[in-house]
Amino acid sequence: KPNLQNVPEDLRVIYIPEDGYQFWQFDYSQIELRIMAYLANEAEWIAAVEDPSRDIHAENAEIIFGPLLKNAGFDIKESCQKGIKIVWRGKKRELRKFTKNYTYCLMYGGGVEAVLVTDPGILTEKEAKESEFRLMSARANVKAFREKIKMEVLTTHKITNVFGRPRI
């Protein structure tokens, strides 16, 4: 303890492994998104996580923000790829990071309310609802998977993993 993943990289040097041991770091790049893609059988997300030239968060940003930013002169893909912060409603935001948070929030069932609380002032409630609709319409299998899980919990009061083990 603590989990070194949560310690800033510049401070990790103060932790020294015992003799004969080493610290290893693994990058589980987008692991939750990858798992969701396969569990939901979402073809576009599967294709995106399997193709290193694609950026799934930039693609989601196009879906979520495309209609909002198309007349504002922002290049969404370039902003995401280069980590460019855009000024949106008086706040500087890294579009890719916000989109990533937004996607995970929806993926875990947080809904529009959670998105609005996560980063207030980025989207109005109406925009958040519209963008959730766009993302879930474009990723219908993810939406269906989420609904299936919700129904399982509501009817059985438990949830099981893919191997049938109860989780709650």
Protein backbone atom coordinates (compact mmCIF):
# COMPACT_ATOMS: atom_id res chain seq x y z
CA LYS A 1 0.00 0.00 0.00
CA PRO A 2 -0.59 2.49 -1.52
CA ASN A 3 -1.37 1.41 -5.05
CA LEU A 4 1.54 2.95 -6.97
CA GLN A 5 -0.72 3.53 -9.94
CA ASN A 6 -2.35 6.29 -7.90
CA VAL A 7 0.96 7.91 -6.92
CA PRO A 8 2.18 10.62 -9.33
CA GLU A 9 5.05 9.34 -11.47
CA ASP A 10 7.55 11.91 -10.18
CA LEU A 11 6.94 10.67 -6.61
CA ARG A 12 7.23 6.95 -7.37
CA VAL A 13 11.02 7.13 -7.04
CA ILE A 14 10.64 7.31 -3.24
CA TYR A 15 9.30 3.76 -3.23
CA ILE A 16 12.10 1.20 -3.36
CA PRO A 17 11.31 -2.50 -3.75
CA GLU A 18 12.80 -5.02 -1.34
CA ASP A 19 15.98 -6.79 -2.44
CA GLY A 20 15.25 -9.35 -5.12
CA TYR A 21 11.96 -7.68 -6.11
CA GLN A 22 11.04 -5.25 -8.88
CA PHE A 23 8.17 -2.93 -9.57
CA TRP A 24 6.39 -3.60 -12.82
CA GLN A 25 3.99 -1.32 -14.59
CA PHE A 26 1.35 -2.53 -16.98
CA ASP A 27 -0.72 -0.34 -19.24
CA TYR A 28 -4.22 -1.66 -19.45
CA SER A 29 -5.01 0.88 -22.13
CA GLN A 30 -8.76 1.41 -22.30
CA ILE A 31 -9.32 -1.98 -20.67
CA GLU A 32 -12.83 -1.20 -19.41
CA LEU A 33 -13.85 0.12 -22.81
CA ARG A 34 -12.36 -2.94 -24.49
CA ILE A 35 -14.26 -5.26 -22.16
CA MET A 36 -17.49 -3.36 -22.75
CA ALA A 37 -16.94 -3.51 -26.51
CA TYR A 38 -16.67 -7.29 -26.41
CA LEU A 39 -19.41 -7.93 -23.82
CA ALA A 40 -21.82 -5.73 -25.76
CA ASN A 41 -20.56 -7.05 -29.10
CA GLU A 42 -20.28 -3.45 -30.32
CA ALA A 43 -18.65 -3.78 -33.73
CA GLU A 44 -17.39 -0.18 -34.05
CA TRP A 45 -15.80 -0.16 -30.61
CA ILE A 46 -14.25 -3.60 -31.21
CA ALA A 47 -12.81 -2.39 -34.51
CA ALA A 48 -11.52 0.78 -32.84
CA VAL A 49 -9.79 -0.98 -29.94
CA GLU A 50 -8.22 -3.53 -32.29
CA ASP A 51 -6.86 -0.89 -34.67
CA PRO A 52 -4.04 1.12 -33.06
CA SER A 53 -4.46 3.90 -35.63
CA ARG A 54 -7.96 4.65 -34.35
CA ASP A 55 -8.74 6.75 -31.29
CA ILE A 56 -12.03 5.60 -29.81
CA HIS A 57 -12.33 8.71 -27.62
CA ALA A 58 -11.84 11.01 -30.61
CA GLU A 59 -14.51 9.04 -32.47
CA ASN A 60 -16.87 9.35 -29.50
CA ALA A 61 -16.10 13.08 -29.34
CA GLU A 62 -17.25 13.40 -32.96
CA ILE A 63 -20.55 11.76 -32.02
CA ILE A 64 -21.04 13.65 -28.77
CA PHE A 65 -19.80 17.11 -29.78
CA GLY A 66 -20.02 17.08 -33.58
CA PRO A 67 -23.39 18.83 -33.83
CA LEU A 68 -22.45 21.31 -31.09
CA LEU A 69 -19.03 22.25 -32.45
CA LYS A 70 -19.48 21.94 -36.22
CA ASN A 71 -20.16 25.66 -36.64
CA ALA A 72 -17.56 26.75 -34.07
CA GLY A 73 -14.59 25.93 -36.32
CA PHE A 74 -13.07 23.25 -34.07
CA ASP A 75 -11.36 20.25 -35.61
CA ILE A 76 -12.46 17.63 -33.11
CA LYS A 77 -10.07 14.87 -34.20
CA GLU A 78 -7.06 17.20 -34.22
CA SER A 79 -8.03 18.60 -30.80
CA CYS A 80 -8.20 15.07 -29.39
CA GLN A 81 -5.03 13.81 -31.05
CA LYS A 82 -2.90 16.75 -29.98
CA GLY A 83 -4.45 17.24 -26.55
CA ILE A 84 -5.46 20.75 -27.57
CA LYS A 85 -7.59 22.52 -25.01
CA ILE A 86 -10.57 24.28 -26.47
CA VAL A 87 -12.34 27.19 -24.88
CA TRP A 88 -15.93 26.16 -24.53
CA ARG A 89 -18.40 28.29 -22.61
CA GLY A 90 -15.60 30.25 -21.02
CA LYS A 91 -13.70 27.21 -19.75
CA LYS A 92 -10.61 25.59 -21.21
CA ARG A 93 -11.17 21.90 -21.69
CA GLU A 94 -9.25 19.04 -23.19
CA LEU A 95 -11.96 17.57 -25.37
CA ARG A 96 -10.57 14.04 -25.39
CA LYS A 97 -10.37 13.89 -21.59
CA PHE A 98 -13.90 15.20 -21.15
CA THR A 99 -15.18 12.74 -23.76
CA LYS A 100 -13.39 9.88 -22.03
CA ASN A 101 -14.97 10.80 -18.67
CA TYR A 102 -18.33 11.24 -20.36
CA THR A 103 -18.14 7.85 -22.11
CA TYR A 104 -17.16 6.00 -18.94
CA CYS A 105 -19.85 7.79 -16.98
CA LEU A 106 -22.52 6.63 -19.42
CA MET A 107 -20.96 3.19 -19.77
CA TYR A 108 -21.24 2.60 -16.04
CA GLY A 109 -24.86 3.75 -16.01
CA GLY A 110 -24.21 7.18 -14.55
CA GLY A 111 -26.59 8.86 -16.95
CA VAL A 112 -27.01 12.49 -17.84
CA GLU A 113 -27.17 13.68 -14.23
CA ALA A 114 -23.75 12.19 -13.46
CA VAL A 115 -22.28 13.72 -16.62
CA LEU A 116 -23.54 17.16 -15.60
CA VAL A 117 -22.05 16.81 -12.10
CA THR A 118 -18.73 15.41 -13.38
CA ASP A 119 -17.86 18.56 -15.31
CA PRO A 120 -20.44 21.30 -14.75
CA GLY A 121 -20.93 23.95 -17.38
CA ILE A 122 -19.71 21.93 -20.37
CA LEU A 123 -23.14 20.80 -21.50
CA THR A 124 -26.60 21.97 -20.68
CA GLU A 125 -29.03 19.29 -19.52
CA LYS A 126 -30.69 19.35 -22.94
CA GLU A 127 -27.34 18.97 -24.74
CA ALA A 128 -26.28 16.16 -22.40
CA LYS A 129 -29.52 14.27 -23.10
CA GLU A 130 -29.17 14.82 -26.85
CA SER A 131 -25.53 13.74 -26.87
CA GLU A 132 -26.32 10.63 -24.79
CA PHE A 133 -29.04 9.80 -27.32
CA ARG A 134 -26.56 10.29 -30.21
CA LEU A 135 -23.88 8.13 -28.58
CA MET A 136 -26.27 5.36 -27.56
CA SER A 137 -27.95 5.44 -30.99
CA ALA A 138 -24.57 5.12 -32.68
CA ARG A 139 -23.57 2.37 -30.24
CA ALA A 140 -26.88 0.49 -30.00
CA ASN A 141 -25.31 -2.73 -28.68
CA VAL A 142 -23.78 -0.85 -25.74
CA LYS A 143 -27.19 0.62 -24.99
CA ALA A 144 -28.83 -2.82 -25.22
CA PHE A 145 -26.17 -4.35 -22.97
CA ARG A 146 -26.68 -1.61 -20.36
CA GLU A 147 -30.44 -2.14 -20.47
CA LYS A 148 -30.02 -5.91 -20.11
CA ILE A 149 -27.87 -5.44 -17.01
CA LYS A 150 -30.35 -2.95 -15.51
CA MET A 151 -33.22 -5.40 -16.06
CA GLU A 152 -31.21 -8.26 -14.54
CA VAL A 153 -30.58 -6.21 -11.41
CA LEU A 154 -34.18 -5.01 -11.17
CA THR A 155 -35.68 -8.48 -11.58
CA THR A 156 -33.19 -10.67 -9.69
CA HIS A 157 -31.71 -8.08 -7.30
CA LYS A 158 -28.27 -9.37 -8.19
CA ILE A 159 -25.84 -9.36 -11.05
CA THR A 160 -23.58 -12.09 -12.33
CA ASN A 161 -20.32 -11.97 -14.21
CA VAL A 162 -19.86 -13.66 -17.59
CA PHE A 163 -19.11 -16.94 -15.81
CA GLY A 164 -22.35 -16.82 -13.82
CA ARG A 165 -20.77 -15.86 -10.49
CA PRO A 166 -22.97 -13.52 -8.46
CA ARG A 167 -21.43 -10.07 -7.98
CA ILE A 168 -24.00 -8.53 -5.61
